[in-house]
Amino acid sequence: MGRRSDGTVLAVGNGAAGECRVERWEDVVAVAAGNVHTAANTGKSHTVGLRSDGTVLATGWNGDGQCEVAAWRGVTAVAAGWRRTLGLLADGRVLAVGRSAEGQCDVRSWREVVALCCGDWHSAGLRSDGRALAVGNNRRGQCAVDGWRDLVAVSAGAVHTVGLGADGRAVAAGDRASGACAVEGWEDVVALDAGSHHTVGVTASGRVLAAGDNSHGQCEVGRWRGIVAVAAGSTHTLGLRADGTVVTAGNNAHGQCDVGAWSGVRPL
């Protein structure tokens, strides 16, 4: 998914469930793509978009009600995960719809939140005081973020969570088998994102760092330059250049890396 400077949205990939039907969306200020948990669930993902008036759009598979966002108002940010959607209100409270069997939608008590994200079975948020919150499945320790402080961003993968400190360093919690949590040595990072089993970050100089599963080449980003934002999917990675063009690495089995014609893309 990509948002252009004119508020329209671009999409590539598997659109079997209608998750790429965004060609009529307008006045969009942010987009989020829900992930597909396993290959067996391909065709069961969704996409959400936030409009400048605080309303939310959704398209794609709605088997757990994750697209039931039409009544939302006053939303300032959105996040999409496996079978669920989160929305951040201007007053710091969080809305949630979709699958909650593992507690990943138990966000009603959250307050003073300024950013949020979705993993497969857990959700994470960033408070205005720089602390992190997490709910949902914690079997791999992916919700063990209570001690994190002075953060400016958080991101959730399948079974790990990463946070970016104000000092440009990264922290991680959760499953370490894939190497996705091996970010402790990163420095001068200005943005990061967690894929299912890998993590990517962009430095102030526009270089990109990556750690974790590289089975499809999704971590082959060392030669990228002039990057201002990154996004990590299940097994692919996107990098946004300052000129609004996009570079990719990783799995393109469903055309999710076919972004060569994109231009005018802006950070989300």
C-alpha atoms as a PDB file:
ATOM      1  CA  MET A   1       0.000   0.000   0.000  1.00  0.00           C
ATOM      2  CA  GLY A   2       1.122   3.542  -0.706  1.00  0.00           C
ATOM      3  CA  ARG A   3      -0.393   6.963  -0.134  1.00  0.00           C
ATOM      4  CA  ARG A   4       0.288   9.624  -2.740  1.00  0.00           C
ATOM      5  CA  SER A   5       0.713  13.318  -2.032  1.00  0.00           C
ATOM      6  CA  ASP A   6      -2.722  14.066  -3.511  1.00  0.00           C
ATOM      7  CA  GLY A   7      -4.483  11.794  -0.996  1.00  0.00           C
ATOM      8  CA  THR A   8      -5.093   8.903  -3.371  1.00  0.00           C
ATOM      9  CA  VAL A   9      -3.904   5.361  -2.634  1.00  0.00           C
ATOM     10  CA  LEU A  10      -1.882   2.793  -4.578  1.00  0.00           C
ATOM     11  CA  ALA A  11      -1.961  -0.981  -4.050  1.00  0.00           C
ATOM     12  CA  VAL A  12      -0.220  -4.064  -5.419  1.00  0.00           C
ATOM     13  CA  GLY A  13      -0.303  -7.697  -4.388  1.00  0.00           C
ATOM     14  CA  ASN A  14      -2.884 -10.404  -3.874  1.00  0.00           C
ATOM     15  CA  GLY A  15      -6.291  -8.772  -4.165  1.00  0.00           C
ATOM     16  CA  ALA A  16      -8.401 -11.905  -3.915  1.00  0.00           C
ATOM     17  CA  ALA A  17     -10.430 -10.559  -0.984  1.00  0.00           C
ATOM     18  CA  GLY A  18     -10.702  -7.043  -2.349  1.00  0.00           C
ATOM     19  CA  GLU A  19      -7.887  -5.699  -0.190  1.00  0.00           C
ATOM     20  CA  CYS A  20      -6.448  -3.806  -3.177  1.00  0.00           C
ATOM     21  CA  ARG A  21      -9.711  -2.069  -4.125  1.00  0.00           C
ATOM     22  CA  VAL A  22      -8.570   1.402  -3.147  1.00  0.00           C
ATOM     23  CA  GLU A  23      -8.639   3.158  -6.513  1.00  0.00           C
ATOM     24  CA  ARG A  24     -11.609   5.325  -5.486  1.00  0.00           C
ATOM     25  CA  TRP A  25     -10.227   6.386  -2.126  1.00  0.00           C
ATOM     26  CA  GLU A  26      -9.573  10.104  -1.823  1.00  0.00           C
ATOM     27  CA  ASP A  27      -8.408  12.579   0.803  1.00  0.00           C
ATOM     28  CA  VAL A  28      -6.493   9.810   2.596  1.00  0.00           C
ATOM     29  CA  VAL A  29      -3.751  10.755   5.065  1.00  0.00           C
ATOM     30  CA  ALA A  30      -2.669   7.262   6.178  1.00  0.00           C
ATOM     31  CA  VAL A  31      -3.118   3.629   5.141  1.00  0.00           C
ATOM     32  CA  ALA A  32      -2.485   0.291   6.830  1.00  0.00           C
ATOM     33  CA  ALA A  33      -2.408  -3.222   5.408  1.00  0.00           C
ATOM     34  CA  GLY A  34      -3.573  -6.150   7.500  1.00  0.00           C
ATOM     35  CA  ASN A  35      -1.310  -9.162   7.358  1.00  0.00           C
ATOM     36  CA  VAL A  36      -1.964 -12.750   6.335  1.00  0.00           C
ATOM     37  CA  HIS A  37      -0.973 -15.115   9.151  1.00  0.00           C
ATOM     38  CA  THR A  38      -0.224 -18.222   7.074  1.00  0.00           C
ATOM     39  CA  ALA A  39      -0.194 -19.272   3.450  1.00  0.00           C
ATOM     40  CA  ALA A  40      -3.492 -21.043   4.088  1.00  0.00           C
ATOM     41  CA  ASN A  41      -5.049 -17.665   4.880  1.00  0.00           C
ATOM     42  CA  THR A  42      -3.917 -15.998   1.641  1.00  0.00           C
ATOM     43  CA  GLY A  43      -6.854 -14.004   0.357  1.00  0.00           C
ATOM     44  CA  LYS A  44      -8.025 -13.184   3.869  1.00  0.00           C
ATOM     45  CA  SER A  45      -6.434  -9.803   4.449  1.00  0.00           C
ATOM     46  CA  HIS A  46      -7.796  -6.259   4.553  1.00  0.00           C
ATOM     47  CA  THR A  47      -6.758  -2.642   4.138  1.00  0.00           C
ATOM     48  CA  VAL A  48      -7.780   0.462   6.078  1.00  0.00           C
ATOM     49  CA  GLY A  49      -7.399   4.120   5.245  1.00  0.00           C
ATOM     50  CA  LEU A  50      -7.681   7.236   7.383  1.00  0.00           C
ATOM     51  CA  ARG A  51      -9.215  10.332   5.828  1.00  0.00           C
ATOM     52  CA  SER A  52      -8.371  13.892   6.771  1.00  0.00           C
ATOM     53  CA  ASP A  53     -11.781  14.342   8.408  1.00  0.00           C
ATOM     54  CA  GLY A  54     -11.079  11.561  10.927  1.00  0.00           C
ATOM     55  CA  THR A  55     -13.265   8.926   9.291  1.00  0.00           C
ATOM     56  CA  VAL A  56     -11.946   5.495   8.312  1.00  0.00           C
ATOM     57  CA  LEU A  57     -12.282   3.385   5.179  1.00  0.00           C
ATOM     58  CA  ALA A  58     -11.817  -0.373   4.921  1.00  0.00           C
ATOM     59  CA  THR A  59     -11.808  -2.986   2.196  1.00  0.00           C
ATOM     60  CA  GLY A  60     -11.043  -6.683   1.996  1.00  0.00           C
ATOM     61  CA  TRP A  61     -11.862  -9.768   4.005  1.00  0.00           C
ATOM     62  CA  ASN A  62     -14.251  -9.063   6.885  1.00  0.00           C
ATOM     63  CA  GLY A  63     -14.694 -12.485   8.460  1.00  0.00           C
ATOM     64  CA  ASP A  64     -14.047 -11.186  11.988  1.00  0.00           C
ATOM     65  CA  GLY A  65     -15.598  -7.746  11.536  1.00  0.00           C
ATOM     66  CA  GLN A  66     -12.224  -6.078  11.068  1.00  0.00           C
ATOM     67  CA  CYS A  67     -13.680  -3.793   8.388  1.00  0.00           C
ATOM     68  CA  GLU A  68     -16.539  -2.520  10.574  1.00  0.00           C
ATOM     69  CA  VAL A  69     -15.098   0.984  10.920  1.00  0.00           C
ATOM     70  CA  ALA A  70     -17.664   3.128   9.102  1.00  0.00           C
ATOM     71  CA  ALA A  71     -19.007   4.612  12.340  1.00  0.00           C
ATOM     72  CA  TRP A  72     -15.603   5.706  13.641  1.00  0.00           C
ATOM     73  CA  ARG A  73     -15.084   9.462  14.008  1.00  0.00           C
ATOM     74  CA  GLY A  74     -12.261  11.630  15.293  1.00  0.00           C
ATOM     75  CA  VAL A  75      -9.579   9.087  14.428  1.00  0.00           C
ATOM     76  CA  THR A  76      -5.980  10.302  14.083  1.00  0.00           C
ATOM     77  CA  ALA A  77      -4.140   7.047  13.265  1.00  0.00           C
ATOM     78  CA  VAL A  78      -4.956   3.493  12.197  1.00  0.00           C
ATOM     79  CA  ALA A  79      -3.263   0.098  12.391  1.00  0.00           C
ATOM     80  CA  ALA A  80      -4.205  -3.202  10.784  1.00  0.00           C
ATOM     81  CA  GLY A  81      -3.180  -6.671  11.873  1.00  0.00           C
ATOM     82  CA  TRP A  82      -4.279 -10.233  11.398  1.00  0.00           C
ATOM     83  CA  ARG A  83      -8.097 -10.026  11.348  1.00  0.00           C
ATOM     84  CA  ARG A  84      -8.350  -6.765  13.301  1.00  0.00           C
ATOM     85  CA  THR A  85      -8.145  -2.986  13.056  1.00  0.00           C
ATOM     86  CA  LEU A  86      -7.165  -0.379  15.641  1.00  0.00           C
ATOM     87  CA  GLY A  87      -7.959   3.321  15.594  1.00  0.00           C
ATOM     88  CA  LEU A  88      -6.410   6.073  17.693  1.00  0.00           C
ATOM     89  CA  LEU A  89      -8.666   8.897  18.866  1.00  0.00           C
ATOM     90  CA  ALA A  90      -7.527  12.479  19.354  1.00  0.00           C
ATOM     91  CA  ASP A  91      -7.983  12.153  23.115  1.00  0.00           C
ATOM     92  CA  GLY A  92      -5.509   9.251  23.312  1.00  0.00           C
ATOM     93  CA  ARG A  93      -8.047   6.438  23.597  1.00  0.00           C
ATOM     94  CA  VAL A  94      -8.037   3.464  21.207  1.00  0.00           C
ATOM     95  CA  LEU A  95     -10.799   1.710  19.265  1.00  0.00           C
ATOM     96  CA  ALA A  96     -10.626  -1.913  18.112  1.00  0.00           C
ATOM     97  CA  VAL A  97     -12.640  -4.262  15.919  1.00  0.00           C
ATOM     98  CA  GLY A  98     -12.007  -7.805  14.786  1.00  0.00           C
ATOM     99  CA  ARG A  99     -10.543 -10.959  16.262  1.00  0.00           C
ATOM    100  CA  SER A 100      -9.814 -10.748  19.983  1.00  0.00           C
ATOM    101  CA  ALA A 101      -9.451 -14.402  20.934  1.00  0.00           C
ATOM    102  CA  GLU A 102      -5.941 -13.783  22.243  1.00  0.00           C
ATOM    103  CA  GLY A 103      -6.787 -10.458  23.903  1.00  0.00           C
ATOM    104  CA  GLN A 104      -5.265  -8.338  21.166  1.00  0.00           C
ATOM    105  CA  CYS A 105      -8.285  -6.000  21.104  1.00  0.00           C
ATOM    106  CA  ASP A 106      -8.304  -5.401  24.871  1.00  0.00           C
ATOM    107  CA  VAL A 107      -7.325  -1.739  24.514  1.00  0.00           C
ATOM    108  CA  ARG A 108     -10.295   0.028  26.119  1.00  0.00           C
ATOM    109  CA  SER A 109      -8.272   0.932  29.197  1.00  0.00           C
ATOM    110  CA  TRP A 110      -5.441   2.524  27.214  1.00  0.00           C
ATOM    111  CA  ARG A 111      -5.034   6.263  27.710  1.00  0.00           C
ATOM    112  CA  GLU A 112      -2.671   8.988  26.473  1.00  0.00           C
ATOM    113  CA  VAL A 113      -1.677   6.888  23.453  1.00  0.00           C
ATOM    114  CA  VAL A 114       0.050   8.666  20.566  1.00  0.00           C
ATOM    115  CA  ALA A 115       0.882   5.729  18.262  1.00  0.00           C
ATOM    116  CA  LEU A 116      -0.188   2.104  17.822  1.00  0.00           C
ATOM    117  CA  CYS A 117       0.587  -1.027  15.827  1.00  0.00           C
ATOM    118  CA  CYS A 118      -0.602  -4.580  15.266  1.00  0.00           C
ATOM    119  CA  GLY A 119       1.308  -7.841  15.263  1.00  0.00           C
ATOM    120  CA  ASP A 120      -0.233 -11.199  14.455  1.00  0.00           C
ATOM    121  CA  TRP A 121      -1.714 -11.942  17.884  1.00  0.00           C
ATOM    122  CA  HIS A 122      -0.735  -8.861  19.870  1.00  0.00           C
ATOM    123  CA  SER A 123      -1.155  -5.100  19.747  1.00  0.00           C
ATOM    124  CA  ALA A 124       1.223  -2.426  20.981  1.00  0.00           C
ATOM    125  CA  GLY A 125       0.945   1.267  21.657  1.00  0.00           C
ATOM    126  CA  LEU A 126       3.118   4.235  22.559  1.00  0.00           C
ATOM    127  CA  ARG A 127       2.098   6.639  25.321  1.00  0.00           C
ATOM    128  CA  SER A 128       2.785  10.358  25.360  1.00  0.00           C
ATOM    129  CA  ASP A 129       5.268   9.812  28.190  1.00  0.00           C
ATOM    130  CA  GLY A 130       7.392   7.540  26.013  1.00  0.00           C
ATOM    131  CA  ARG A 131       6.312   4.267  27.601  1.00  0.00           C
ATOM    132  CA  ALA A 132       4.996   1.262  25.663  1.00  0.00           C
ATOM    133  CA  LEU A 133       1.841  -0.791  26.102  1.00  0.00           C
ATOM    134  CA  ALA A 134       1.062  -4.266  24.763  1.00  0.00           C
ATOM    135  CA  VAL A 135      -1.816  -6.735  24.932  1.00  0.00           C
ATOM    136  CA  GLY A 136      -2.512 -10.128  23.439  1.00  0.00           C
ATOM    137  CA  ASN A 137      -0.581 -13.353  23.084  1.00  0.00           C
ATOM    138  CA  ASN A 138       2.660 -13.170  25.071  1.00  0.00           C
ATOM    139  CA  ARG A 139       3.931 -16.732  24.689  1.00  0.00           C
ATOM    140  CA  ARG A 140       7.219 -15.541  23.177  1.00  0.00           C
ATOM    141  CA  GLY A 141       7.522 -12.484  25.432  1.00  0.00           C
ATOM    142  CA  GLN A 142       6.427 -10.119  22.681  1.00  0.00           C
ATOM    143  CA  CYS A 143       4.344  -8.117  25.143  1.00  0.00           C
ATOM    144  CA  ALA A 144       7.164  -7.684  27.674  1.00  0.00           C
ATOM    145  CA  VAL A 145       7.551  -3.947  27.052  1.00  0.00           C
ATOM    146  CA  ASP A 146       6.639  -2.542  30.467  1.00  0.00           C
ATOM    147  CA  GLY A 147      10.188  -1.424  31.203  1.00  0.00           C
ATOM    148  CA  TRP A 148      10.710   0.500  27.996  1.00  0.00           C
ATOM    149  CA  ARG A 149      11.087   4.255  28.415  1.00  0.00           C
ATOM    150  CA  ASP A 150      11.754   7.362  26.331  1.00  0.00           C
ATOM    151  CA  LEU A 151      10.407   5.843  23.106  1.00  0.00           C
ATOM    152  CA  VAL A 152       9.345   7.674  19.960  1.00  0.00           C
ATOM    153  CA  ALA A 153       7.982   4.690  17.982  1.00  0.00           C
ATOM    154  CA  VAL A 154       6.896   1.058  18.312  1.00  0.00           C
ATOM    155  CA  SER A 155       6.211  -1.692  15.798  1.00  0.00           C
ATOM    156  CA  ALA A 156       4.913  -5.258  16.143  1.00  0.00           C
ATOM    157  CA  GLY A 157       5.774  -8.366  14.120  1.00  0.00           C
ATOM    158  CA  ALA A 158       4.374 -11.865  14.290  1.00  0.00           C
ATOM    159  CA  VAL A 159       5.985 -12.772  17.614  1.00  0.00           C
ATOM    160  CA  HIS A 160       8.211  -9.790  18.406  1.00  0.00           C
ATOM    161  CA  THR A 161       7.948  -6.091  19.193  1.00  0.00           C
ATOM    162  CA  VAL A 162      10.495  -3.355  18.577  1.00  0.00           C
ATOM    163  CA  GLY A 163      10.764   0.157  19.948  1.00  0.00           C
ATOM    164  CA  LEU A 164      12.757   3.199  18.867  1.00  0.00           C
ATOM    165  CA  GLY A 165      14.289   5.365  21.566  1.00  0.00           C
ATOM    166  CA  ALA A 166      14.678   9.130  21.396  1.00  0.00           C
ATOM    167  CA  ASP A 167      18.420   8.518  21.339  1.00  0.00           C
ATOM    168  CA  GLY A 168      18.199   6.672  18.016  1.00  0.00           C
ATOM    169  CA  ARG A 169      18.717   3.226  19.517  1.00  0.00           C
ATOM    170  CA  ALA A 170      16.354   0.270  19.163  1.00  0.00           C
ATOM    171  CA  VAL A 171      15.002  -2.201  21.701  1.00  0.00           C
ATOM    172  CA  ALA A 172      13.228  -5.496  21.111  1.00  0.00           C
ATOM    173  CA  ALA A 173      11.167  -8.115  22.915  1.00  0.00           C
ATOM    174  CA  GLY A 174       9.868 -11.506  21.869  1.00  0.00           C
ATOM    175  CA  ASP A 175      11.057 -14.488  19.873  1.00  0.00           C
ATOM    176  CA  ARG A 176      14.759 -14.343  19.066  1.00  0.00           C
ATOM    177  CA  ALA A 177      14.965 -17.482  16.946  1.00  0.00           C
ATOM    178  CA  SER A 178      14.678 -15.600  13.657  1.00  0.00           C
ATOM    179  CA  GLY A 179      17.112 -12.851  14.646  1.00  0.00           C
ATOM    180  CA  ALA A 180      14.437 -10.175  14.308  1.00  0.00           C
ATOM    181  CA  CYS A 181      15.258  -8.916  17.800  1.00  0.00           C
ATOM    182  CA  ALA A 182      18.969  -8.456  17.068  1.00  0.00           C
ATOM    183  CA  VAL A 183      18.710  -4.666  16.926  1.00  0.00           C
ATOM    184  CA  GLU A 184      20.521  -3.691  20.118  1.00  0.00           C
ATOM    185  CA  GLY A 185      23.569  -2.442  18.199  1.00  0.00           C
ATOM    186  CA  TRP A 186      21.615  -0.131  15.903  1.00  0.00           C
ATOM    187  CA  GLU A 187      22.365   3.581  16.260  1.00  0.00           C
ATOM    188  CA  ASP A 188      21.206   6.845  14.702  1.00  0.00           C
ATOM    189  CA  VAL A 189      17.891   5.263  13.679  1.00  0.00           C
ATOM    190  CA  VAL A 190      15.029   7.620  12.827  1.00  0.00           C
ATOM    191  CA  ALA A 191      12.332   5.086  11.879  1.00  0.00           C
ATOM    192  CA  LEU A 192      11.764   1.336  12.009  1.00  0.00           C
ATOM    193  CA  ASP A 193       9.219  -1.324  11.193  1.00  0.00           C
ATOM    194  CA  ALA A 194       8.681  -4.957  12.138  1.00  0.00           C
ATOM    195  CA  GLY A 195       7.818  -7.543   9.518  1.00  0.00           C
ATOM    196  CA  SER A 196       6.530 -10.964  10.461  1.00  0.00           C
ATOM    197  CA  HIS A 197       9.993 -12.288  11.301  1.00  0.00           C
ATOM    198  CA  HIS A 198      12.373  -9.462  10.406  1.00  0.00           C
ATOM    199  CA  THR A 199      12.982  -5.868  11.416  1.00  0.00           C
ATOM    200  CA  VAL A 200      14.129  -2.922   9.320  1.00  0.00           C
ATOM    201  CA  GLY A 201      15.249   0.562  10.289  1.00  0.00           C
ATOM    202  CA  VAL A 202      16.338   3.705   8.467  1.00  0.00           C
ATOM    203  CA  THR A 203      19.152   5.911   9.741  1.00  0.00           C
ATOM    204  CA  ALA A 204      19.462   9.677   9.652  1.00  0.00           C
ATOM    205  CA  SER A 205      21.839   9.333   6.712  1.00  0.00           C
ATOM    206  CA  GLY A 206      19.232   7.471   4.648  1.00  0.00           C
ATOM    207  CA  ARG A 207      20.774   4.027   4.919  1.00  0.00           C
ATOM    208  CA  VAL A 208      18.697   0.969   5.856  1.00  0.00           C
ATOM    209  CA  LEU A 209      19.415  -1.681   8.478  1.00  0.00           C
ATOM    210  CA  ALA A 210      17.822  -5.125   8.663  1.00  0.00           C
ATOM    211  CA  ALA A 211      17.816  -8.091  11.024  1.00  0.00           C
ATOM    212  CA  GLY A 212      16.021 -11.415  11.095  1.00  0.00           C
ATOM    213  CA  ASP A 213      14.676 -13.915   8.604  1.00  0.00           C
ATOM    214  CA  ASN A 214      16.126 -13.416   5.131  1.00  0.00           C
ATOM    215  CA  SER A 215      14.649 -16.479   3.434  1.00  0.00           C
ATOM    216  CA  HIS A 216      13.281 -14.382   0.560  1.00  0.00           C
ATOM    217  CA  GLY A 217      15.948 -11.692   0.488  1.00  0.00           C
ATOM    218  CA  GLN A 218      13.813  -9.280   2.510  1.00  0.00           C
ATOM    219  CA  CYS A 219      16.877  -8.132   4.428  1.00  0.00           C
ATOM    220  CA  GLU A 220      18.961  -7.377   1.325  1.00  0.00           C
ATOM    221  CA  VAL A 221      18.738  -3.609   1.839  1.00  0.00           C
ATOM    222  CA  GLY A 222      22.347  -2.718   2.575  1.00  0.00           C
ATOM    223  CA  ARG A 223      22.871  -0.922  -0.724  1.00  0.00           C
ATOM    224  CA  TRP A 224      19.823   1.312  -0.466  1.00  0.00           C
ATOM    225  CA  ARG A 225      20.554   5.043  -0.126  1.00  0.00           C
ATOM    226  CA  GLY A 226      18.470   8.187   0.268  1.00  0.00           C
ATOM    227  CA  ILE A 227      15.667   6.375   2.114  1.00  0.00           C
ATOM    228  CA  VAL A 228      13.270   8.387   4.312  1.00  0.00           C
ATOM    229  CA  ALA A 229      10.853   5.637   5.432  1.00  0.00           C
ATOM    230  CA  VAL A 230      10.656   1.844   5.503  1.00  0.00           C
ATOM    231  CA  ALA A 231       7.884  -0.735   5.737  1.00  0.00           C
ATOM    232  CA  ALA A 232       8.187  -4.463   6.372  1.00  0.00           C
ATOM    233  CA  GLY A 233       5.683  -7.087   5.281  1.00  0.00           C
ATOM    234  CA  SER A 234       5.555 -10.798   5.877  1.00  0.00           C
ATOM    235  CA  THR A 235       8.539 -11.607   3.660  1.00  0.00           C
ATOM    236  CA  HIS A 236       9.266  -8.367   1.807  1.00  0.00           C
ATOM    237  CA  THR A 237      10.541  -4.859   2.550  1.00  0.00           C
ATOM    238  CA  LEU A 238       9.763  -1.471   1.039  1.00  0.00           C
ATOM    239  CA  GLY A 239      11.878   1.665   1.147  1.00  0.00           C
ATOM    240  CA  LEU A 240      10.635   5.160   0.308  1.00  0.00           C
ATOM    241  CA  ARG A 241      13.062   7.590  -1.318  1.00  0.00           C
ATOM    242  CA  ALA A 242      12.908  11.326  -0.779  1.00  0.00           C
ATOM    243  CA  ASP A 243      11.739  11.782  -4.375  1.00  0.00           C
ATOM    244  CA  GLY A 244       8.589   9.715  -3.737  1.00  0.00           C
ATOM    245  CA  THR A 245       9.736   6.564  -5.530  1.00  0.00           C
ATOM    246  CA  VAL A 246       9.860   3.160  -3.833  1.00  0.00           C
ATOM    247  CA  VAL A 247      12.440   0.347  -3.764  1.00  0.00           C
ATOM    248  CA  THR A 248      11.739  -3.243  -2.711  1.00  0.00           C
ATOM    249  CA  ALA A 249      13.400  -6.446  -1.596  1.00  0.00           C
ATOM    250  CA  GLY A 250      12.030  -9.908  -0.889  1.00  0.00           C
ATOM    251  CA  ASN A 251       9.151 -12.117  -1.889  1.00  0.00           C
ATOM    252  CA  ASN A 252       7.178 -11.021  -4.951  1.00  0.00           C
ATOM    253  CA  ALA A 253       5.043 -14.133  -5.391  1.00  0.00           C
ATOM    254  CA  HIS A 254       1.838 -12.076  -5.344  1.00  0.00           C
ATOM    255  CA  GLY A 255       3.194  -8.963  -7.036  1.00  0.00           C
ATOM    256  CA  GLN A 256       3.626  -7.149  -3.728  1.00  0.00           C
ATOM    257  CA  CYS A 257       6.944  -5.721  -4.933  1.00  0.00           C
ATOM    258  CA  ASP A 258       5.624  -4.420  -8.260  1.00  0.00           C
ATOM    259  CA  VAL A 259       5.991  -0.756  -7.322  1.00  0.00           C
ATOM    260  CA  GLY A 260       8.341   0.371 -10.078  1.00  0.00           C
ATOM    261  CA  ALA A 261       5.720   2.701 -11.537  1.00  0.00           C
ATOM    262  CA  TRP A 262       4.850   4.359  -8.235  1.00  0.00           C
ATOM    263  CA  SER A 263       5.694   8.031  -7.778  1.00  0.00           C
ATOM    264  CA  GLY A 264       4.616  10.829  -5.486  1.00  0.00           C
ATOM    265  CA  VAL A 265       4.427   8.503  -2.475  1.00  0.00           C
ATOM    266  CA  ARG A 266       4.631  10.105   0.965  1.00  0.00           C
ATOM    267  CA  PRO A 267       5.534   8.665   4.400  1.00  0.00           C
ATOM    268  CA  LEU A 268       2.534   7.372   6.339  1.00  0.00           C
END
